[in-house]
Each structure stands twice: as structure tokens, then as C-alpha cells.
Amino acid sequence: MSPPIVAIHGNKKSGKTTVAVGVIRELTARGHRVMSIKHGHHFRLDREGTDSWRHRHEGGARRVVLAGPEGLGVAGDWSHEGEPGLRDLVDRYLGDADVVVAEGFRHEAVHRIEVYRSDVHAEPITPPGAIDPALQLAVVTDRPGLPWPVPVLDPDRPDLAQRLADLIEPLLD
């Protein structure tokens, strides 16, 4: 059986990596075997300062997969198989996780958390009226006045990772 997947998605420079690292760190601290996968273009795997390095070394993910149109990489093991789907990647490389935190993959039908900063982008990726509450766990935003049908969390709150982990943990049962 595949582990649950939670995708952290948002526009470029919205804070996705910071949110993902915090969630990975918090779930790991709670004793869960957390792995991650990041969608990207022109990426470098596990080099200091990169998002994959942050997932692994700051967040504590046991394994990190990077996937994009140029190929994919798993802890330095590169292959060029095109761009498989998120669930295929999880089943192939991360099936022994308790939970997988994905960064990106906005078009996949998995549980998700959108990160939206109004000072960076005029509108969120998913308008409040188009959110599917069965899949959307929360929106992390500095613009809470929109009619979101899911929990809305301030990106600057000190307990953000804990609150998001609280929303994710029921998926692990």
C-alpha cells in the first residue's frame, strides 16, 4: 500500500520549501518516517543550499527524489526515464515511508496545502471557490480575507509546522 502523499504547492517564491522543510521536520520529530519528493526544472540534487538539500538536511527526510522533464534523481542516482507521475515515483522509490511530503505537483489528485503570498503573486493558484475540501488540507497565506473553505494559516506564525502536522497526522492512520 502506498504511503499518504501531501503536496505543498504554490507559485514560485511563495515559501513552499520553507513550509515543506518545517512540516518534514515536525513529522520526523513526532516519530514518523518521512520522505520527500520535489518537482522542478534544471535541478541539482542534494547540493548545499538547494531545496533537495534543505528537505534532507534541515527537514530530516530520509530519502529525497527530484523529478522533472529532464529526468529524475534519487540521492545522486540519476536516470533519464522522462517524467513519471507522482504516485509512480512514490511507489517506486518511497513506498517504505510513513508519509511523503511533495513539493510542487500541483496537478496531482493528492492531499495538498497551498502556499500563497499576496506580495509575490496577485492571485492564488487555486481560487477559494475551486478548492476541493476533500483534498485541500489548508492554505498558508498572508491574505486570510478570501472565503477559503479550509483552515487558513498565517505563514509567519511560529507554530505553523505543528498546526500543519496536526492536519496531516490523521491521514497516517
C-alpha atoms as a PDB file:
ATOM      1  CA  MET A   1       0.000   0.000   0.000  1.00  0.00           C
ATOM      2  CA  SER A   2       1.302   3.448  -0.916  1.00  0.00           C
ATOM      3  CA  PRO A   3       2.032   5.918   1.857  1.00  0.00           C
ATOM      4  CA  PRO A   4      -0.115   9.049   2.074  1.00  0.00           C
ATOM      5  CA  ILE A   5       1.150  11.967  -0.003  1.00  0.00           C
ATOM      6  CA  VAL A   6       0.775  15.633   0.910  1.00  0.00           C
ATOM      7  CA  ALA A   7       1.747  18.123  -1.796  1.00  0.00           C
ATOM      8  CA  ILE A   8       2.909  21.580  -0.775  1.00  0.00           C
ATOM      9  CA  HIS A   9       2.230  23.752  -3.802  1.00  0.00           C
ATOM     10  CA  GLY A  10       2.209  27.405  -4.733  1.00  0.00           C
ATOM     11  CA  ASN A  11       3.697  29.858  -7.156  1.00  0.00           C
ATOM     12  CA  LYS A  12       7.425  30.472  -7.411  1.00  0.00           C
ATOM     13  CA  LYS A  13       8.952  32.277  -4.397  1.00  0.00           C
ATOM     14  CA  SER A  14       5.821  31.744  -2.269  1.00  0.00           C
ATOM     15  CA  GLY A  15       7.634  29.893   0.516  1.00  0.00           C
ATOM     16  CA  LYS A  16       6.872  26.287  -0.476  1.00  0.00           C
ATOM     17  CA  THR A  17      10.295  24.956   0.508  1.00  0.00           C
ATOM     18  CA  THR A  18      10.229  26.650   3.911  1.00  0.00           C
ATOM     19  CA  VAL A  19       6.788  25.178   4.623  1.00  0.00           C
ATOM     20  CA  ALA A  20       7.824  21.726   3.340  1.00  0.00           C
ATOM     21  CA  VAL A  21      11.011  21.690   5.445  1.00  0.00           C
ATOM     22  CA  GLY A  22       9.069  22.706   8.552  1.00  0.00           C
ATOM     23  CA  VAL A  23       6.430  20.009   8.003  1.00  0.00           C
ATOM     24  CA  ILE A  24       9.084  17.350   7.322  1.00  0.00           C
ATOM     25  CA  ARG A  25      10.986  18.355  10.465  1.00  0.00           C
ATOM     26  CA  GLU A  26       7.853  18.327  12.633  1.00  0.00           C
ATOM     27  CA  LEU A  27       6.544  14.982  11.358  1.00  0.00           C
ATOM     28  CA  THR A  28      10.018  13.460  11.766  1.00  0.00           C
ATOM     29  CA  ALA A  29      10.210  14.798  15.339  1.00  0.00           C
ATOM     30  CA  ARG A  30       6.869  13.093  16.021  1.00  0.00           C
ATOM     31  CA  GLY A  31       8.433   9.757  15.074  1.00  0.00           C
ATOM     32  CA  HIS A  32       7.181   9.352  11.521  1.00  0.00           C
ATOM     33  CA  ARG A  33       9.335   8.010   8.690  1.00  0.00           C
ATOM     34  CA  VAL A  34       9.085  10.986   6.319  1.00  0.00           C
ATOM     35  CA  MET A  35      10.383  11.088   2.765  1.00  0.00           C
ATOM     36  CA  SER A  36      10.032  13.835   0.202  1.00  0.00           C
ATOM     37  CA  ILE A  37       9.847  14.462  -3.482  1.00  0.00           C
ATOM     38  CA  LYS A  38      10.270  17.755  -5.298  1.00  0.00           C
ATOM     39  CA  HIS A  39       9.189  18.673  -8.792  1.00  0.00           C
ATOM     40  CA  GLY A  40      11.477  21.049 -10.600  1.00  0.00           C
ATOM     41  CA  HIS A  41      13.376  22.088 -13.677  1.00  0.00           C
ATOM     42  CA  HIS A  42      17.162  22.261 -14.118  1.00  0.00           C
ATOM     43  CA  PHE A  43      17.743  20.935 -10.630  1.00  0.00           C
ATOM     44  CA  ARG A  44      20.853  19.871  -8.758  1.00  0.00           C
ATOM     45  CA  LEU A  45      20.389  17.012  -6.331  1.00  0.00           C
ATOM     46  CA  ASP A  46      21.427  17.375  -2.708  1.00  0.00           C
ATOM     47  CA  ARG A  47      23.861  20.284  -3.042  1.00  0.00           C
ATOM     48  CA  GLU A  48      24.055  22.623  -0.055  1.00  0.00           C
ATOM     49  CA  GLY A  49      21.556  25.443  -0.347  1.00  0.00           C
ATOM     50  CA  THR A  50      19.309  23.655  -2.855  1.00  0.00           C
ATOM     51  CA  ASP A  51      15.740  22.694  -1.992  1.00  0.00           C
ATOM     52  CA  SER A  52      16.554  18.971  -2.005  1.00  0.00           C
ATOM     53  CA  TRP A  53      19.442  19.598   0.420  1.00  0.00           C
ATOM     54  CA  ARG A  54      17.106  21.563   2.692  1.00  0.00           C
ATOM     55  CA  HIS A  55      14.478  18.764   2.627  1.00  0.00           C
ATOM     56  CA  ARG A  56      17.120  16.225   3.633  1.00  0.00           C
ATOM     57  CA  HIS A  57      19.493  18.115   5.918  1.00  0.00           C
ATOM     58  CA  GLU A  58      17.245  20.735   7.519  1.00  0.00           C
ATOM     59  CA  GLY A  59      13.973  18.818   7.453  1.00  0.00           C
ATOM     60  CA  GLY A  60      15.368  15.334   8.077  1.00  0.00           C
ATOM     61  CA  ALA A  61      13.692  13.481   5.190  1.00  0.00           C
ATOM     62  CA  ARG A  62      15.243  10.007   4.955  1.00  0.00           C
ATOM     63  CA  ARG A  63      15.132   9.978   1.171  1.00  0.00           C
ATOM     64  CA  VAL A  64      14.546  12.739  -1.387  1.00  0.00           C
ATOM     65  CA  VAL A  65      13.503  12.339  -5.018  1.00  0.00           C
ATOM     66  CA  LEU A  66      13.706  15.151  -7.562  1.00  0.00           C
ATOM     67  CA  ALA A  67      11.645  14.811 -10.726  1.00  0.00           C
ATOM     68  CA  GLY A  68      11.182  16.984 -13.776  1.00  0.00           C
ATOM     69  CA  PRO A  69      11.060  16.966 -17.556  1.00  0.00           C
ATOM     70  CA  GLU A  70      14.836  16.444 -17.795  1.00  0.00           C
ATOM     71  CA  GLY A  71      14.766  13.229 -15.736  1.00  0.00           C
ATOM     72  CA  LEU A  72      14.822  12.286 -12.105  1.00  0.00           C
ATOM     73  CA  GLY A  73      17.328  11.805  -9.329  1.00  0.00           C
ATOM     74  CA  VAL A  74      17.302   9.787  -6.147  1.00  0.00           C
ATOM     75  CA  ALA A  75      20.096  10.583  -3.691  1.00  0.00           C
ATOM     76  CA  GLY A  76      22.529  11.039  -6.576  1.00  0.00           C
ATOM     77  CA  ASP A  77      21.296   8.077  -8.646  1.00  0.00           C
ATOM     78  CA  TRP A  78      20.245   9.753 -11.899  1.00  0.00           C
ATOM     79  CA  SER A  79      18.169   8.113 -14.562  1.00  0.00           C
ATOM     80  CA  HIS A  80      16.528   9.622 -17.602  1.00  0.00           C
ATOM     81  CA  GLU A  81      13.125   7.981 -17.843  1.00  0.00           C
ATOM     82  CA  GLY A  82      11.118  11.058 -18.760  1.00  0.00           C
ATOM     83  CA  GLU A  83       8.653  12.444 -16.257  1.00  0.00           C
ATOM     84  CA  PRO A  84       6.650   9.774 -14.420  1.00  0.00           C
ATOM     85  CA  GLY A  85       3.653  10.646 -12.274  1.00  0.00           C
ATOM     86  CA  LEU A  86       3.867  11.402  -8.567  1.00  0.00           C
ATOM     87  CA  ARG A  87       2.261   8.137  -7.404  1.00  0.00           C
ATOM     88  CA  ASP A  88       4.555   6.102  -9.694  1.00  0.00           C
ATOM     89  CA  LEU A  89       7.604   7.808  -8.170  1.00  0.00           C
ATOM     90  CA  VAL A  90       6.354   7.273  -4.628  1.00  0.00           C
ATOM     91  CA  ASP A  91       5.593   3.600  -5.267  1.00  0.00           C
ATOM     92  CA  ARG A  92       8.972   3.037  -6.897  1.00  0.00           C
ATOM     93  CA  TYR A  93      11.268   4.968  -4.559  1.00  0.00           C
ATOM     94  CA  LEU A  94       9.404   5.976  -1.400  1.00  0.00           C
ATOM     95  CA  GLY A  95       6.994   3.128  -0.688  1.00  0.00           C
ATOM     96  CA  ASP A  96       8.533   2.440   2.737  1.00  0.00           C
ATOM     97  CA  ALA A  97       7.698   5.937   4.055  1.00  0.00           C
ATOM     98  CA  ASP A  98       5.005   6.616   6.630  1.00  0.00           C
ATOM     99  CA  VAL A  99       4.224   9.812   4.724  1.00  0.00           C
ATOM    100  CA  VAL A 100       5.602  11.580   1.662  1.00  0.00           C
ATOM    101  CA  VAL A 101       5.788  15.362   1.534  1.00  0.00           C
ATOM    102  CA  ALA A 102       5.839  16.501  -2.089  1.00  0.00           C
ATOM    103  CA  GLU A 103       6.825  19.994  -3.162  1.00  0.00           C
ATOM    104  CA  GLY A 104       5.070  21.050  -6.330  1.00  0.00           C
ATOM    105  CA  PHE A 105       2.928  18.567  -8.290  1.00  0.00           C
ATOM    106  CA  ARG A 106       0.002  20.980  -8.282  1.00  0.00           C
ATOM    107  CA  HIS A 107      -1.970  18.952 -10.835  1.00  0.00           C
ATOM    108  CA  GLU A 108      -1.897  15.660  -8.927  1.00  0.00           C
ATOM    109  CA  ALA A 109      -5.026  14.475  -7.100  1.00  0.00           C
ATOM    110  CA  VAL A 110      -3.426  14.116  -3.654  1.00  0.00           C
ATOM    111  CA  HIS A 111      -3.877  15.881  -0.334  1.00  0.00           C
ATOM    112  CA  ARG A 112      -2.434  19.346  -0.578  1.00  0.00           C
ATOM    113  CA  ILE A 113      -1.507  22.559   1.160  1.00  0.00           C
ATOM    114  CA  GLU A 114      -1.319  25.716  -0.933  1.00  0.00           C
ATOM    115  CA  VAL A 115       1.178  28.432  -0.034  1.00  0.00           C
ATOM    116  CA  TYR A 116       0.087  31.826  -1.315  1.00  0.00           C
ATOM    117  CA  ARG A 117       1.816  35.136  -0.605  1.00  0.00           C
ATOM    118  CA  SER A 118      -0.113  38.133  -1.924  1.00  0.00           C
ATOM    119  CA  ASP A 119       3.002  40.317  -2.030  1.00  0.00           C
ATOM    120  CA  VAL A 120       4.574  37.914  -4.557  1.00  0.00           C
ATOM    121  CA  HIS A 121       1.537  36.928  -6.685  1.00  0.00           C
ATOM    122  CA  ALA A 122      -1.763  38.672  -7.325  1.00  0.00           C
ATOM    123  CA  GLU A 123      -3.885  35.532  -7.031  1.00  0.00           C
ATOM    124  CA  PRO A 124      -3.547  32.027  -5.565  1.00  0.00           C
ATOM    125  CA  ILE A 125      -3.139  29.028  -7.838  1.00  0.00           C
ATOM    126  CA  THR A 126      -6.499  27.661  -6.737  1.00  0.00           C
ATOM    127  CA  PRO A 127      -9.213  30.274  -6.177  1.00  0.00           C
ATOM    128  CA  PRO A 128     -11.145  29.760  -2.920  1.00  0.00           C
ATOM    129  CA  GLY A 129     -14.277  28.632  -4.790  1.00  0.00           C
ATOM    130  CA  ALA A 130     -12.364  25.939  -6.718  1.00  0.00           C
ATOM    131  CA  ILE A 131     -10.783  24.254  -3.685  1.00  0.00           C
ATOM    132  CA  ASP A 132     -11.787  20.651  -3.059  1.00  0.00           C
ATOM    133  CA  PRO A 133     -12.055  20.378   0.756  1.00  0.00           C
ATOM    134  CA  ALA A 134     -11.704  16.598   0.491  1.00  0.00           C
ATOM    135  CA  LEU A 135      -8.116  17.027  -0.750  1.00  0.00           C
ATOM    136  CA  GLN A 136      -7.093  20.521   0.371  1.00  0.00           C
ATOM    137  CA  LEU A 137      -5.894  20.410   3.984  1.00  0.00           C
ATOM    138  CA  ALA A 138      -5.120  24.113   4.405  1.00  0.00           C
ATOM    139  CA  VAL A 139      -3.981  27.336   2.800  1.00  0.00           C
ATOM    140  CA  VAL A 140      -0.914  29.094   4.156  1.00  0.00           C
ATOM    141  CA  THR A 141      -1.344  32.746   3.251  1.00  0.00           C
ATOM    142  CA  ASP A 142      -0.906  36.330   4.270  1.00  0.00           C
ATOM    143  CA  ARG A 143      -4.326  37.070   2.735  1.00  0.00           C
ATOM    144  CA  PRO A 144      -6.908  35.442   5.025  1.00  0.00           C
ATOM    145  CA  GLY A 145      -9.854  37.597   3.905  1.00  0.00           C
ATOM    146  CA  LEU A 146     -10.694  35.371   0.937  1.00  0.00           C
ATOM    147  CA  PRO A 147     -13.537  32.861   1.504  1.00  0.00           C
ATOM    148  CA  TRP A 148     -11.343  29.753   1.948  1.00  0.00           C
ATOM    149  CA  PRO A 149     -13.372  26.599   2.792  1.00  0.00           C
ATOM    150  CA  VAL A 150     -10.387  25.064   4.646  1.00  0.00           C
ATOM    151  CA  PRO A 151      -8.163  26.164   7.549  1.00  0.00           C
ATOM    152  CA  VAL A 152      -6.163  29.307   6.773  1.00  0.00           C
ATOM    153  CA  LEU A 153      -2.808  29.692   8.490  1.00  0.00           C
ATOM    154  CA  ASP A 154      -0.509  32.692   8.613  1.00  0.00           C
ATOM    155  CA  PRO A 155       2.892  31.833   7.062  1.00  0.00           C
ATOM    156  CA  ASP A 156       4.657  33.768   9.831  1.00  0.00           C
ATOM    157  CA  ARG A 157       3.049  32.048  12.820  1.00  0.00           C
ATOM    158  CA  PRO A 158       5.673  30.292  14.951  1.00  0.00           C
ATOM    159  CA  ASP A 159       3.643  27.082  15.295  1.00  0.00           C
ATOM    160  CA  LEU A 160       2.845  26.747  11.570  1.00  0.00           C
ATOM    161  CA  ALA A 161       4.623  23.394  11.125  1.00  0.00           C
ATOM    162  CA  GLN A 162       2.922  21.957  14.215  1.00  0.00           C
ATOM    163  CA  ARG A 163      -0.531  23.059  13.026  1.00  0.00           C
ATOM    164  CA  LEU A 164       0.070  21.576   9.568  1.00  0.00           C
ATOM    165  CA  ALA A 165       1.393  18.332  11.059  1.00  0.00           C
ATOM    166  CA  ASP A 166      -1.790  18.151  13.166  1.00  0.00           C
ATOM    167  CA  LEU A 167      -3.804  18.275   9.919  1.00  0.00           C
ATOM    168  CA  ILE A 168      -1.605  15.644   8.232  1.00  0.00           C
ATOM    169  CA  GLU A 169      -1.365  13.066  11.034  1.00  0.00           C
ATOM    170  CA  PRO A 170      -4.963  11.777  10.674  1.00  0.00           C
ATOM    171  CA  LEU A 171      -4.011  10.659   7.140  1.00  0.00           C
ATOM    172  CA  LEU A 172      -1.378   8.321   8.617  1.00  0.00           C
ATOM    173  CA  ASP A 173      -3.849   6.064  10.460  1.00  0.00           C
END
